[in-house]
N, C-alpha and C. Protein backbone atom coordinates (compact mmCIF):
# COMPACT_ATOMS: atom_id res chain seq x y z
N UNK A 1 13.51 -12.59 6.34
CA UNK A 1 13.93 -11.22 6.06
C UNK A 1 15.32 -10.96 6.60
N UNK A 2 15.99 -10.03 5.99
CA UNK A 2 17.30 -9.63 6.47
C UNK A 2 17.19 -8.97 7.82
N UNK A 3 18.28 -9.10 8.62
CA UNK A 3 18.28 -8.45 9.93
C UNK A 3 18.22 -6.93 9.78
N UNK A 4 18.79 -6.43 8.67
CA UNK A 4 18.75 -4.98 8.42
C UNK A 4 17.50 -4.67 7.60
N UNK A 5 16.43 -4.33 8.30
CA UNK A 5 15.16 -4.10 7.61
C UNK A 5 15.19 -2.77 6.86
N UNK A 6 14.55 -2.69 5.70
CA UNK A 6 14.53 -1.44 4.95
C UNK A 6 13.70 -0.38 5.66
N UNK A 7 14.08 0.86 5.45
CA UNK A 7 13.29 1.98 5.97
C UNK A 7 12.12 2.23 5.04
N UNK A 8 10.93 2.33 5.63
CA UNK A 8 9.70 2.51 4.86
C UNK A 8 9.19 3.94 5.01
N UNK A 9 8.73 4.52 3.92
CA UNK A 9 8.05 5.82 3.96
C UNK A 9 6.62 5.59 3.52
N UNK A 10 5.67 5.89 4.39
CA UNK A 10 4.26 5.75 4.05
C UNK A 10 3.76 7.13 3.65
N UNK A 11 3.66 7.35 2.36
CA UNK A 11 3.27 8.65 1.83
C UNK A 11 1.75 8.78 1.89
N UNK A 12 1.27 9.87 2.49
CA UNK A 12 -0.14 9.96 2.79
C UNK A 12 -0.48 9.13 4.01
N UNK A 13 0.49 8.99 4.89
CA UNK A 13 0.38 8.08 6.01
C UNK A 13 -0.45 8.57 7.18
N UNK A 14 -1.07 9.74 7.06
CA UNK A 14 -1.94 10.22 8.14
C UNK A 14 -3.36 9.68 8.02
N UNK A 15 -3.70 9.06 6.89
CA UNK A 15 -5.03 8.49 6.72
C UNK A 15 -5.13 7.13 7.38
N UNK A 16 -6.34 6.58 7.39
CA UNK A 16 -6.59 5.33 8.11
C UNK A 16 -5.79 4.16 7.54
N UNK A 17 -5.75 4.03 6.22
CA UNK A 17 -5.03 2.91 5.61
C UNK A 17 -3.53 3.02 5.83
N UNK A 18 -2.98 4.20 5.55
CA UNK A 18 -1.55 4.38 5.71
C UNK A 18 -1.09 4.23 7.14
N UNK A 19 -1.81 4.85 8.07
CA UNK A 19 -1.44 4.75 9.48
C UNK A 19 -1.60 3.32 9.98
N UNK A 20 -2.63 2.61 9.48
CA UNK A 20 -2.83 1.23 9.90
C UNK A 20 -1.71 0.31 9.44
N UNK A 21 -1.31 0.44 8.19
CA UNK A 21 -0.18 -0.36 7.70
C UNK A 21 1.10 0.01 8.43
N UNK A 22 1.32 1.30 8.65
CA UNK A 22 2.51 1.74 9.38
C UNK A 22 2.54 1.13 10.77
N UNK A 23 1.39 1.11 11.44
CA UNK A 23 1.28 0.52 12.78
C UNK A 23 1.77 -0.92 12.77
N UNK A 24 1.33 -1.69 11.79
CA UNK A 24 1.71 -3.10 11.71
C UNK A 24 3.20 -3.26 11.44
N UNK A 25 3.75 -2.44 10.55
CA UNK A 25 5.18 -2.56 10.24
C UNK A 25 6.06 -2.08 11.39
N UNK A 26 5.63 -1.07 12.09
CA UNK A 26 6.38 -0.63 13.28
C UNK A 26 6.45 -1.75 14.30
N UNK A 27 5.35 -2.44 14.52
CA UNK A 27 5.33 -3.55 15.48
C UNK A 27 6.22 -4.70 15.04
N UNK A 28 6.44 -4.81 13.72
CA UNK A 28 7.32 -5.85 13.19
C UNK A 28 8.78 -5.43 13.19
N UNK A 29 9.05 -4.21 13.64
CA UNK A 29 10.44 -3.75 13.77
C UNK A 29 10.98 -2.92 12.64
N UNK A 30 10.14 -2.57 11.66
CA UNK A 30 10.61 -1.76 10.54
C UNK A 30 10.76 -0.29 10.96
N UNK A 31 11.81 0.38 10.50
CA UNK A 31 11.85 1.85 10.63
C UNK A 31 10.83 2.45 9.68
N UNK A 32 9.96 3.30 10.19
CA UNK A 32 8.86 3.85 9.38
C UNK A 32 8.83 5.37 9.50
N UNK A 33 8.72 6.02 8.35
CA UNK A 33 8.54 7.48 8.29
C UNK A 33 7.14 7.74 7.75
N UNK A 34 6.37 8.51 8.49
CA UNK A 34 5.04 8.92 8.03
C UNK A 34 5.20 10.17 7.18
N UNK A 35 4.70 10.12 5.96
CA UNK A 35 4.77 11.27 5.07
C UNK A 35 3.41 11.93 4.89
N UNK A 36 3.42 13.22 4.66
CA UNK A 36 2.20 13.98 4.42
C UNK A 36 2.55 15.26 3.67
N UNK A 37 1.56 15.86 3.03
CA UNK A 37 1.78 17.20 2.48
C UNK A 37 2.12 18.18 3.59
N UNK A 38 1.58 17.92 4.78
CA UNK A 38 1.76 18.78 5.95
C UNK A 38 2.66 18.05 6.94
N UNK A 39 3.91 18.51 7.06
CA UNK A 39 4.86 17.83 7.93
C UNK A 39 4.38 17.78 9.37
N UNK A 40 3.68 18.82 9.82
CA UNK A 40 3.20 18.82 11.20
C UNK A 40 2.19 17.70 11.44
N UNK A 41 1.30 17.48 10.47
CA UNK A 41 0.34 16.38 10.59
C UNK A 41 1.07 15.04 10.60
N UNK A 42 2.09 14.92 9.78
CA UNK A 42 2.86 13.68 9.74
C UNK A 42 3.53 13.42 11.09
N UNK A 43 4.09 14.46 11.67
CA UNK A 43 4.75 14.31 12.97
C UNK A 43 3.75 13.95 14.06
N UNK A 44 2.55 14.52 14.00
CA UNK A 44 1.52 14.21 14.99
C UNK A 44 1.10 12.75 14.88
N UNK A 45 0.93 12.24 13.66
CA UNK A 45 0.56 10.84 13.48
C UNK A 45 1.69 9.93 13.94
N UNK A 46 2.93 10.31 13.63
CA UNK A 46 4.07 9.50 14.07
C UNK A 46 4.13 9.43 15.60
N UNK A 47 3.89 10.55 16.27
CA UNK A 47 3.89 10.56 17.73
C UNK A 47 2.79 9.65 18.27
N UNK A 48 1.63 9.66 17.60
CA UNK A 48 0.51 8.82 18.04
C UNK A 48 0.84 7.34 17.87
N UNK A 49 1.51 6.99 16.78
CA UNK A 49 1.85 5.60 16.53
C UNK A 49 2.97 5.10 17.44
N UNK A 50 3.90 5.98 17.80
CA UNK A 50 5.01 5.57 18.66
C UNK A 50 5.93 4.60 17.96
N UNK A 51 6.56 3.73 18.74
CA UNK A 51 7.44 2.67 18.20
C UNK A 51 8.59 3.25 17.38
N UNK A 52 8.97 4.49 17.64
CA UNK A 52 10.07 5.09 16.90
C UNK A 52 9.70 5.68 15.56
N UNK A 53 8.42 5.79 15.26
CA UNK A 53 7.99 6.38 13.99
C UNK A 53 8.43 7.83 13.90
N UNK A 54 8.74 8.26 12.68
CA UNK A 54 9.08 9.66 12.42
C UNK A 54 8.07 10.26 11.46
N UNK A 55 7.95 11.57 11.46
CA UNK A 55 7.07 12.26 10.53
C UNK A 55 7.84 13.26 9.70
N UNK A 56 7.42 13.44 8.46
CA UNK A 56 8.11 14.37 7.56
C UNK A 56 7.20 14.71 6.40
N UNK A 57 7.54 15.77 5.68
CA UNK A 57 6.86 16.06 4.42
C UNK A 57 7.11 14.90 3.46
N UNK A 58 6.17 14.68 2.54
CA UNK A 58 6.25 13.52 1.65
C UNK A 58 7.59 13.42 0.94
N UNK A 59 8.09 14.50 0.41
CA UNK A 59 9.33 14.43 -0.37
C UNK A 59 10.51 14.06 0.52
N UNK A 60 10.54 14.57 1.74
CA UNK A 60 11.63 14.23 2.65
C UNK A 60 11.53 12.78 3.10
N UNK A 61 10.30 12.31 3.32
CA UNK A 61 10.10 10.91 3.68
C UNK A 61 10.56 9.99 2.56
N UNK A 62 10.18 10.32 1.33
CA UNK A 62 10.57 9.50 0.19
C UNK A 62 12.09 9.48 0.01
N UNK A 63 12.71 10.61 0.23
CA UNK A 63 14.17 10.70 0.06
C UNK A 63 14.90 9.83 1.08
N UNK A 64 14.37 9.72 2.28
CA UNK A 64 15.04 8.99 3.36
C UNK A 64 14.74 7.50 3.35
N UNK A 65 13.80 7.06 2.53
CA UNK A 65 13.32 5.67 2.60
C UNK A 65 14.02 4.78 1.58
N UNK A 66 13.97 3.48 1.85
CA UNK A 66 14.37 2.47 0.87
C UNK A 66 13.17 2.04 0.03
N UNK A 67 12.01 1.95 0.67
CA UNK A 67 10.76 1.57 0.00
C UNK A 67 9.70 2.59 0.39
N UNK A 68 8.98 3.11 -0.59
CA UNK A 68 7.89 4.05 -0.32
C UNK A 68 6.56 3.36 -0.59
N UNK A 69 5.58 3.66 0.23
CA UNK A 69 4.23 3.11 0.08
C UNK A 69 3.27 4.27 -0.08
N UNK A 70 2.57 4.32 -1.19
CA UNK A 70 1.67 5.43 -1.48
C UNK A 70 0.25 5.06 -1.08
N UNK A 71 -0.31 5.82 -0.11
CA UNK A 71 -1.65 5.52 0.41
C UNK A 71 -2.53 6.76 0.38
N UNK A 72 -2.68 7.33 -0.79
CA UNK A 72 -3.48 8.54 -0.94
C UNK A 72 -4.70 8.24 -1.81
N UNK A 73 -5.74 9.07 -1.74
CA UNK A 73 -6.88 8.89 -2.65
C UNK A 73 -6.45 9.04 -4.11
N UNK A 74 -7.23 8.45 -5.00
CA UNK A 74 -6.89 8.47 -6.42
C UNK A 74 -6.69 9.89 -6.94
N UNK A 75 -7.53 10.83 -6.48
CA UNK A 75 -7.42 12.21 -6.96
C UNK A 75 -6.09 12.85 -6.59
N UNK A 76 -5.45 12.35 -5.53
CA UNK A 76 -4.17 12.92 -5.07
C UNK A 76 -2.96 12.15 -5.59
N UNK A 77 -3.20 11.05 -6.31
CA UNK A 77 -2.09 10.19 -6.72
C UNK A 77 -1.08 10.92 -7.61
N UNK A 78 -1.54 11.47 -8.72
CA UNK A 78 -0.61 12.11 -9.66
C UNK A 78 0.13 13.29 -9.05
N UNK A 79 -0.56 14.24 -8.37
CA UNK A 79 0.19 15.35 -7.80
C UNK A 79 1.20 14.93 -6.74
N UNK A 80 0.85 13.93 -5.94
CA UNK A 80 1.79 13.46 -4.92
C UNK A 80 3.02 12.85 -5.57
N UNK A 81 2.81 12.01 -6.57
CA UNK A 81 3.94 11.37 -7.24
C UNK A 81 4.79 12.38 -8.01
N UNK A 82 4.17 13.39 -8.59
CA UNK A 82 4.95 14.42 -9.28
C UNK A 82 5.90 15.12 -8.32
N UNK A 83 5.45 15.31 -7.07
CA UNK A 83 6.29 15.96 -6.06
C UNK A 83 7.47 15.11 -5.64
N UNK A 84 7.28 13.78 -5.58
CA UNK A 84 8.29 12.92 -4.96
C UNK A 84 9.07 12.06 -5.96
N UNK A 85 8.77 12.13 -7.23
CA UNK A 85 9.35 11.16 -8.16
C UNK A 85 10.87 11.21 -8.20
N UNK A 86 11.47 12.40 -8.10
CA UNK A 86 12.93 12.46 -8.11
C UNK A 86 13.53 11.78 -6.88
N UNK A 87 12.85 11.90 -5.75
CA UNK A 87 13.32 11.28 -4.51
C UNK A 87 13.15 9.77 -4.53
N UNK A 88 12.34 9.24 -5.45
CA UNK A 88 12.08 7.80 -5.53
C UNK A 88 13.01 7.09 -6.50
N UNK A 89 13.85 7.80 -7.22
CA UNK A 89 14.69 7.18 -8.24
C UNK A 89 15.50 6.03 -7.65
N UNK A 90 15.45 4.88 -8.31
CA UNK A 90 16.21 3.72 -7.89
C UNK A 90 15.56 2.91 -6.78
N UNK A 91 14.35 3.28 -6.37
CA UNK A 91 13.70 2.64 -5.22
C UNK A 91 12.45 1.86 -5.66
N UNK A 92 11.85 1.20 -4.69
CA UNK A 92 10.57 0.52 -4.90
C UNK A 92 9.45 1.43 -4.42
N UNK A 93 8.42 1.56 -5.23
CA UNK A 93 7.20 2.27 -4.83
C UNK A 93 6.06 1.26 -4.78
N UNK A 94 5.47 1.10 -3.61
CA UNK A 94 4.29 0.25 -3.46
C UNK A 94 3.07 1.14 -3.60
N UNK A 95 2.31 0.91 -4.65
CA UNK A 95 1.13 1.76 -4.90
C UNK A 95 -0.11 1.05 -4.37
N UNK A 96 -0.75 1.68 -3.39
CA UNK A 96 -1.97 1.14 -2.78
C UNK A 96 -3.20 1.85 -3.33
N UNK A 97 -2.99 2.74 -4.28
CA UNK A 97 -4.08 3.56 -4.82
C UNK A 97 -5.17 2.71 -5.46
N UNK A 98 -6.40 3.09 -5.19
CA UNK A 98 -7.56 2.48 -5.84
C UNK A 98 -8.29 3.56 -6.62
N UNK A 99 -8.61 3.32 -7.89
CA UNK A 99 -9.27 4.35 -8.70
C UNK A 99 -10.77 4.46 -8.39
N UNK A 100 -11.06 4.89 -7.16
CA UNK A 100 -12.44 5.13 -6.77
C UNK A 100 -12.86 6.53 -7.21
N UNK A 101 -14.05 6.63 -7.76
CA UNK A 101 -14.56 7.92 -8.22
C UNK A 101 -15.86 8.20 -7.47
N UNK A 102 -15.78 8.97 -6.37
CA UNK A 102 -16.99 9.27 -5.60
C UNK A 102 -18.03 9.97 -6.48
N UNK A 103 -19.31 9.75 -6.20
CA UNK A 103 -19.85 8.99 -5.07
C UNK A 103 -20.04 7.51 -5.36
N UNK A 104 -19.77 7.05 -6.57
CA UNK A 104 -20.08 5.67 -6.94
C UNK A 104 -18.86 4.76 -6.69
N UNK A 105 -18.46 4.69 -5.43
CA UNK A 105 -17.25 3.94 -5.11
C UNK A 105 -17.46 2.43 -5.13
N UNK A 106 -18.71 1.98 -5.15
CA UNK A 106 -19.00 0.55 -5.22
C UNK A 106 -19.10 0.07 -6.67
N UNK A 107 -18.73 0.92 -7.61
CA UNK A 107 -18.74 0.57 -9.04
C UNK A 107 -17.30 0.62 -9.56
N UNK A 108 -16.87 -0.40 -10.27
CA UNK A 108 -15.52 -0.43 -10.84
C UNK A 108 -15.39 0.66 -11.90
N UNK A 109 -14.36 1.49 -11.74
CA UNK A 109 -14.12 2.58 -12.69
C UNK A 109 -12.62 2.72 -12.91
N UNK A 110 -12.05 1.82 -13.70
CA UNK A 110 -10.62 1.84 -13.96
C UNK A 110 -10.26 2.97 -14.92
N UNK A 111 -9.06 3.55 -14.77
CA UNK A 111 -8.65 4.66 -15.64
C UNK A 111 -8.29 4.17 -17.03
N UNK A 112 -8.19 5.07 -18.00
CA UNK A 112 -7.85 4.68 -19.38
C UNK A 112 -6.51 3.95 -19.49
N UNK A 113 -5.59 4.25 -18.57
CA UNK A 113 -4.27 3.59 -18.60
C UNK A 113 -4.35 2.12 -18.24
N UNK A 114 -5.47 1.68 -17.68
CA UNK A 114 -5.65 0.29 -17.31
C UNK A 114 -5.76 0.07 -15.82
N UNK A 115 -4.95 0.80 -15.05
CA UNK A 115 -4.98 0.69 -13.59
C UNK A 115 -4.28 1.90 -12.99
N UNK A 116 -4.55 2.15 -11.72
CA UNK A 116 -3.85 3.23 -11.02
C UNK A 116 -2.35 2.93 -10.94
N UNK A 117 -1.98 1.66 -10.81
CA UNK A 117 -0.57 1.30 -10.74
C UNK A 117 0.16 1.67 -12.03
N UNK A 118 -0.51 1.47 -13.16
CA UNK A 118 0.12 1.86 -14.43
C UNK A 118 0.20 3.37 -14.57
N UNK A 119 -0.76 4.08 -14.01
CA UNK A 119 -0.66 5.54 -13.93
C UNK A 119 0.58 5.92 -13.15
N UNK A 120 0.78 5.28 -12.00
CA UNK A 120 1.93 5.58 -11.15
C UNK A 120 3.24 5.34 -11.89
N UNK A 121 3.35 4.21 -12.59
CA UNK A 121 4.58 3.91 -13.31
C UNK A 121 4.87 4.95 -14.38
N UNK A 122 3.82 5.41 -15.06
CA UNK A 122 4.02 6.43 -16.09
C UNK A 122 4.50 7.74 -15.50
N UNK A 123 4.03 8.08 -14.30
CA UNK A 123 4.44 9.34 -13.67
C UNK A 123 5.87 9.27 -13.17
N UNK A 124 6.24 8.19 -12.48
CA UNK A 124 7.56 8.15 -11.84
C UNK A 124 8.66 7.69 -12.78
N UNK A 125 8.32 7.03 -13.87
CA UNK A 125 9.33 6.62 -14.84
C UNK A 125 9.97 5.29 -14.51
N UNK A 126 10.82 4.83 -15.44
CA UNK A 126 11.39 3.50 -15.36
C UNK A 126 12.44 3.34 -14.27
N UNK A 127 12.92 4.44 -13.68
CA UNK A 127 13.91 4.35 -12.61
C UNK A 127 13.30 3.86 -11.30
N UNK A 128 11.98 3.80 -11.23
CA UNK A 128 11.29 3.37 -10.02
C UNK A 128 10.57 2.06 -10.31
N UNK A 129 10.74 1.09 -9.42
CA UNK A 129 10.07 -0.20 -9.58
C UNK A 129 8.73 -0.13 -8.84
N UNK A 130 7.66 -0.03 -9.60
CA UNK A 130 6.33 0.10 -9.01
C UNK A 130 5.73 -1.29 -8.78
N UNK A 131 5.20 -1.48 -7.59
CA UNK A 131 4.51 -2.71 -7.23
C UNK A 131 3.14 -2.32 -6.68
N UNK A 132 2.12 -3.01 -7.13
CA UNK A 132 0.76 -2.76 -6.67
C UNK A 132 0.39 -3.77 -5.60
N UNK A 133 -0.17 -3.29 -4.47
CA UNK A 133 -0.51 -4.20 -3.38
C UNK A 133 -1.42 -3.52 -2.36
N UNK A 134 -2.07 -4.34 -1.54
CA UNK A 134 -2.82 -3.95 -0.34
C UNK A 134 -4.18 -3.29 -0.63
N UNK A 135 -4.64 -3.28 -1.88
CA UNK A 135 -5.92 -2.64 -2.16
C UNK A 135 -7.10 -3.36 -1.50
N UNK A 136 -6.99 -4.66 -1.31
CA UNK A 136 -8.11 -5.43 -0.77
C UNK A 136 -8.11 -5.50 0.75
N UNK A 137 -7.17 -4.81 1.39
CA UNK A 137 -7.06 -4.86 2.85
C UNK A 137 -7.80 -3.67 3.46
N UNK A 138 -8.83 -3.93 4.20
CA UNK A 138 -9.58 -2.87 4.87
C UNK A 138 -8.76 -2.28 6.00
N UNK A 139 -8.88 -0.97 6.19
CA UNK A 139 -8.19 -0.30 7.30
C UNK A 139 -8.84 -0.59 8.64
N UNK A 140 -10.01 -1.20 8.63
CA UNK A 140 -10.85 -1.28 9.83
C UNK A 140 -10.14 -1.94 11.02
N UNK A 141 -9.38 -3.01 10.76
CA UNK A 141 -8.77 -3.75 11.87
C UNK A 141 -7.25 -3.61 11.93
N UNK A 142 -6.66 -2.81 11.07
CA UNK A 142 -5.20 -2.77 10.98
C UNK A 142 -4.54 -2.33 12.28
N UNK A 143 -5.19 -1.43 13.02
CA UNK A 143 -4.55 -0.93 14.24
C UNK A 143 -4.98 -1.68 15.50
N UNK A 144 -5.61 -2.82 15.30
CA UNK A 144 -5.92 -3.70 16.42
C UNK A 144 -4.84 -4.79 16.45
N UNK A 145 -3.90 -4.73 17.39
CA UNK A 145 -2.77 -5.65 17.37
C UNK A 145 -3.16 -7.10 17.61
N UNK A 146 -4.34 -7.34 18.17
CA UNK A 146 -4.77 -8.70 18.48
C UNK A 146 -5.67 -9.31 17.41
N UNK A 147 -5.97 -8.52 16.38
CA UNK A 147 -6.89 -9.01 15.35
C UNK A 147 -6.09 -9.66 14.22
N UNK A 148 -6.40 -10.92 13.91
CA UNK A 148 -5.78 -11.61 12.80
C UNK A 148 -6.62 -11.39 11.55
N UNK A 149 -6.04 -10.68 10.60
CA UNK A 149 -6.77 -10.31 9.39
C UNK A 149 -6.72 -11.47 8.40
N UNK A 150 -7.88 -12.03 8.12
CA UNK A 150 -7.99 -13.19 7.25
C UNK A 150 -8.13 -12.72 5.81
N UNK A 151 -7.01 -12.31 5.22
CA UNK A 151 -7.06 -11.69 3.90
C UNK A 151 -5.76 -11.93 3.17
N UNK A 152 -5.86 -12.28 1.90
CA UNK A 152 -4.69 -12.38 1.04
C UNK A 152 -4.43 -11.04 0.36
N UNK A 153 -3.17 -10.81 0.02
CA UNK A 153 -2.76 -9.59 -0.69
C UNK A 153 -2.22 -9.99 -2.05
N UNK A 154 -2.86 -9.52 -3.11
CA UNK A 154 -2.39 -9.78 -4.47
C UNK A 154 -1.32 -8.72 -4.80
N UNK A 155 -0.14 -9.21 -5.19
CA UNK A 155 1.01 -8.32 -5.38
C UNK A 155 1.45 -8.41 -6.83
N UNK A 156 1.32 -7.28 -7.54
CA UNK A 156 1.59 -7.22 -8.98
C UNK A 156 2.75 -6.28 -9.26
N UNK A 157 3.63 -6.69 -10.16
CA UNK A 157 4.73 -5.83 -10.53
C UNK A 157 5.58 -6.49 -11.59
N UNK A 158 6.27 -5.70 -12.37
CA UNK A 158 7.08 -6.24 -13.46
C UNK A 158 8.42 -6.78 -13.00
N UNK A 159 8.87 -6.39 -11.81
CA UNK A 159 10.16 -6.83 -11.28
C UNK A 159 9.94 -7.88 -10.19
N UNK A 160 10.34 -9.14 -10.42
CA UNK A 160 10.06 -10.20 -9.44
C UNK A 160 10.70 -9.95 -8.08
N UNK A 161 11.92 -9.39 -8.06
CA UNK A 161 12.57 -9.13 -6.78
C UNK A 161 11.81 -8.07 -5.99
N UNK A 162 11.36 -7.04 -6.66
CA UNK A 162 10.57 -6.00 -5.98
C UNK A 162 9.28 -6.60 -5.44
N UNK A 163 8.62 -7.45 -6.24
CA UNK A 163 7.41 -8.12 -5.77
C UNK A 163 7.69 -8.93 -4.51
N UNK A 164 8.82 -9.66 -4.50
CA UNK A 164 9.13 -10.49 -3.35
C UNK A 164 9.34 -9.65 -2.09
N UNK A 165 9.96 -8.49 -2.24
CA UNK A 165 10.14 -7.62 -1.08
C UNK A 165 8.79 -7.16 -0.53
N UNK A 166 7.82 -6.98 -1.40
CA UNK A 166 6.49 -6.57 -0.94
C UNK A 166 5.74 -7.76 -0.35
N UNK A 167 5.98 -8.96 -0.85
CA UNK A 167 5.44 -10.16 -0.20
C UNK A 167 5.90 -10.19 1.26
N UNK A 168 7.17 -9.88 1.50
CA UNK A 168 7.70 -9.88 2.86
C UNK A 168 7.05 -8.78 3.71
N UNK A 169 6.75 -7.64 3.11
CA UNK A 169 6.04 -6.59 3.85
C UNK A 169 4.64 -7.05 4.23
N UNK A 170 3.96 -7.75 3.32
CA UNK A 170 2.63 -8.25 3.64
C UNK A 170 2.69 -9.22 4.81
N UNK A 171 3.65 -10.11 4.77
CA UNK A 171 3.79 -11.10 5.84
C UNK A 171 4.11 -10.41 7.17
N UNK A 172 4.93 -9.38 7.13
CA UNK A 172 5.27 -8.65 8.35
C UNK A 172 4.04 -7.97 8.95
N UNK A 173 3.07 -7.64 8.10
CA UNK A 173 1.83 -7.01 8.56
C UNK A 173 0.79 -8.04 8.99
N UNK A 174 1.15 -9.33 8.97
CA UNK A 174 0.22 -10.37 9.39
C UNK A 174 -0.72 -10.83 8.30
N UNK A 175 -0.34 -10.62 7.04
CA UNK A 175 -1.17 -10.99 5.89
C UNK A 175 -0.42 -12.00 5.04
N UNK A 176 -1.13 -12.66 4.14
CA UNK A 176 -0.48 -13.56 3.19
C UNK A 176 -0.31 -12.86 1.86
N UNK A 177 0.93 -12.59 1.50
CA UNK A 177 1.22 -11.94 0.23
C UNK A 177 1.45 -12.95 -0.87
N UNK A 178 0.83 -12.74 -2.03
CA UNK A 178 0.91 -13.68 -3.14
C UNK A 178 1.34 -12.96 -4.42
N UNK A 179 2.33 -13.54 -5.09
CA UNK A 179 2.72 -13.04 -6.41
C UNK A 179 1.53 -13.20 -7.35
N UNK A 180 1.13 -12.10 -7.98
CA UNK A 180 -0.04 -12.13 -8.87
C UNK A 180 0.29 -11.65 -10.27
N UNK A 181 1.59 -11.68 -10.63
CA UNK A 181 1.97 -11.38 -11.99
C UNK A 181 2.38 -9.94 -12.23
N UNK A 182 2.34 -9.55 -13.48
CA UNK A 182 2.89 -8.27 -13.92
C UNK A 182 2.03 -7.09 -13.46
N UNK A 183 2.56 -5.90 -13.62
CA UNK A 183 1.88 -4.70 -13.12
C UNK A 183 0.51 -4.51 -13.76
N UNK A 184 0.37 -4.88 -15.03
CA UNK A 184 -0.93 -4.72 -15.70
C UNK A 184 -2.03 -5.50 -15.00
N UNK A 185 -1.67 -6.57 -14.28
CA UNK A 185 -2.66 -7.37 -13.57
C UNK A 185 -3.25 -6.63 -12.38
N UNK A 186 -2.66 -5.50 -12.01
CA UNK A 186 -3.20 -4.71 -10.90
C UNK A 186 -4.63 -4.25 -11.18
N UNK A 187 -5.01 -4.21 -12.46
CA UNK A 187 -6.40 -3.84 -12.79
C UNK A 187 -7.39 -4.73 -12.06
N UNK A 188 -7.06 -6.01 -11.93
CA UNK A 188 -7.98 -6.95 -11.27
C UNK A 188 -8.05 -6.68 -9.78
N UNK A 189 -6.91 -6.49 -9.13
CA UNK A 189 -6.92 -6.28 -7.67
C UNK A 189 -7.52 -4.92 -7.32
N UNK A 190 -7.29 -3.91 -8.15
CA UNK A 190 -7.90 -2.60 -7.90
C UNK A 190 -9.42 -2.67 -8.07
N UNK A 191 -9.86 -3.38 -9.09
CA UNK A 191 -11.30 -3.50 -9.33
C UNK A 191 -11.99 -4.24 -8.18
N UNK A 192 -11.29 -5.17 -7.57
CA UNK A 192 -11.87 -5.93 -6.46
C UNK A 192 -12.27 -5.03 -5.30
N UNK A 193 -11.59 -3.90 -5.13
CA UNK A 193 -11.92 -3.02 -4.01
C UNK A 193 -13.35 -2.52 -4.10
N UNK A 194 -13.78 -2.11 -5.28
CA UNK A 194 -15.17 -1.67 -5.45
C UNK A 194 -16.13 -2.82 -5.21
N UNK A 195 -15.75 -4.03 -5.63
CA UNK A 195 -16.59 -5.20 -5.38
C UNK A 195 -16.73 -5.43 -3.87
N UNK A 196 -15.62 -5.32 -3.14
CA UNK A 196 -15.65 -5.53 -1.69
C UNK A 196 -16.46 -4.45 -0.98
N UNK A 197 -16.36 -3.21 -1.46
CA UNK A 197 -17.18 -2.14 -0.89
C UNK A 197 -18.67 -2.45 -1.07
N UNK A 198 -19.03 -2.92 -2.25
CA UNK A 198 -20.43 -3.29 -2.51
C UNK A 198 -20.87 -4.43 -1.59
N UNK A 199 -19.97 -5.37 -1.35
CA UNK A 199 -20.31 -6.50 -0.48
C UNK A 199 -20.41 -6.07 0.98
N UNK A 200 -19.52 -5.16 1.40
CA UNK A 200 -19.63 -4.62 2.76
C UNK A 200 -21.01 -4.02 2.99
N UNK A 201 -21.47 -3.27 2.00
CA UNK A 201 -22.78 -2.62 2.13
C UNK A 201 -23.91 -3.65 2.12
N UNK A 202 -23.82 -4.60 1.22
CA UNK A 202 -24.91 -5.58 1.10
C UNK A 202 -25.03 -6.46 2.34
N UNK A 203 -23.88 -6.88 2.86
CA UNK A 203 -23.90 -7.82 3.98
C UNK A 203 -23.65 -7.17 5.34
N UNK A 204 -23.55 -5.84 5.33
CA UNK A 204 -23.42 -5.06 6.56
C UNK A 204 -22.24 -5.53 7.42
N UNK A 205 -21.06 -5.58 6.77
CA UNK A 205 -19.81 -5.91 7.46
C UNK A 205 -18.81 -4.80 7.16
N UNK A 206 -17.77 -4.62 8.01
CA UNK A 206 -16.84 -3.51 7.81
C UNK A 206 -15.63 -3.85 6.96
N UNK A 207 -15.34 -5.15 6.75
CA UNK A 207 -14.02 -5.45 6.19
C UNK A 207 -13.99 -6.76 5.42
N UNK A 208 -14.82 -6.88 4.40
CA UNK A 208 -14.74 -8.05 3.53
C UNK A 208 -13.36 -8.09 2.87
N UNK A 209 -12.82 -9.30 2.71
CA UNK A 209 -11.51 -9.46 2.08
C UNK A 209 -11.55 -10.61 1.10
N UNK A 210 -10.37 -11.02 0.63
CA UNK A 210 -10.30 -12.12 -0.33
C UNK A 210 -9.34 -13.19 0.18
N UNK A 211 -9.61 -14.45 -0.19
CA UNK A 211 -8.71 -15.55 0.05
C UNK A 211 -8.59 -16.35 -1.25
N UNK A 212 -7.37 -16.71 -1.62
CA UNK A 212 -7.12 -17.51 -2.80
C UNK A 212 -7.03 -18.97 -2.37
N UNK A 213 -7.88 -19.81 -2.95
CA UNK A 213 -7.90 -21.23 -2.59
C UNK A 213 -6.96 -22.03 -3.49
N UNK A 214 -6.67 -23.26 -3.05
CA UNK A 214 -5.88 -24.17 -3.86
C UNK A 214 -4.39 -24.02 -3.70
N UNK A 215 -3.94 -23.12 -2.83
CA UNK A 215 -2.51 -22.92 -2.57
C UNK A 215 -2.18 -23.44 -1.18
N UNK A 216 -0.91 -23.79 -0.98
CA UNK A 216 -0.45 -24.10 0.37
C UNK A 216 -0.61 -22.86 1.24
N UNK A 217 -0.80 -23.07 2.53
CA UNK A 217 -0.97 -21.94 3.44
C UNK A 217 0.25 -21.01 3.40
N UNK A 218 1.43 -21.58 3.21
CA UNK A 218 2.66 -20.79 3.12
C UNK A 218 3.32 -21.13 1.78
N UNK A 219 2.79 -20.59 0.66
CA UNK A 219 3.29 -20.98 -0.65
C UNK A 219 4.71 -20.50 -0.87
N UNK A 220 5.47 -21.26 -1.67
CA UNK A 220 6.85 -20.88 -1.97
C UNK A 220 6.85 -19.60 -2.78
N UNK A 221 7.87 -18.76 -2.55
CA UNK A 221 7.99 -17.50 -3.30
C UNK A 221 8.19 -17.78 -4.78
């Protein structure tokens, strides 16, 4: 990675997944802004995380960032993106959204567009490079600095350079990031989340993940 690390905005970063990823990136030295609809909540989470984290309203966080990471529930995806899309122009948006439809979250329920990532691209427009990632990573252990998360991250996007930047973010978080093709392929990684939820319930574990076999441990980009 470059010595000048990009500034990250974790939109919806007061939740378990967003705060957990932010925790990992802060420890890796990234400047991180926690975003929320409520700036006060964002500031409180940033204070809790420490490591120089800042808090701001989502739109201000997006405006100040080089890369934004969206970690909100599916129901909040479109309204959040509608608020921040102008601030994201020319940037990378990492969409972590999973199209879960409560109460049947252990059942795959993809949207008509094909995936939540494709929904995101349609909302923000072609000026934003959308990359789908981190759906298969459980929040359960993210804020444990001593826990090695044995999980691969499937990274989908139409822009190879944007995908590679997200591969580097995965590695900085202690995960193995893998190029998984174009944005439309996000349907597979999003669907896996419901499969993993079902497996967590069946086998009574908190954080089932995925590993891709047949690759070198540190595959070439």
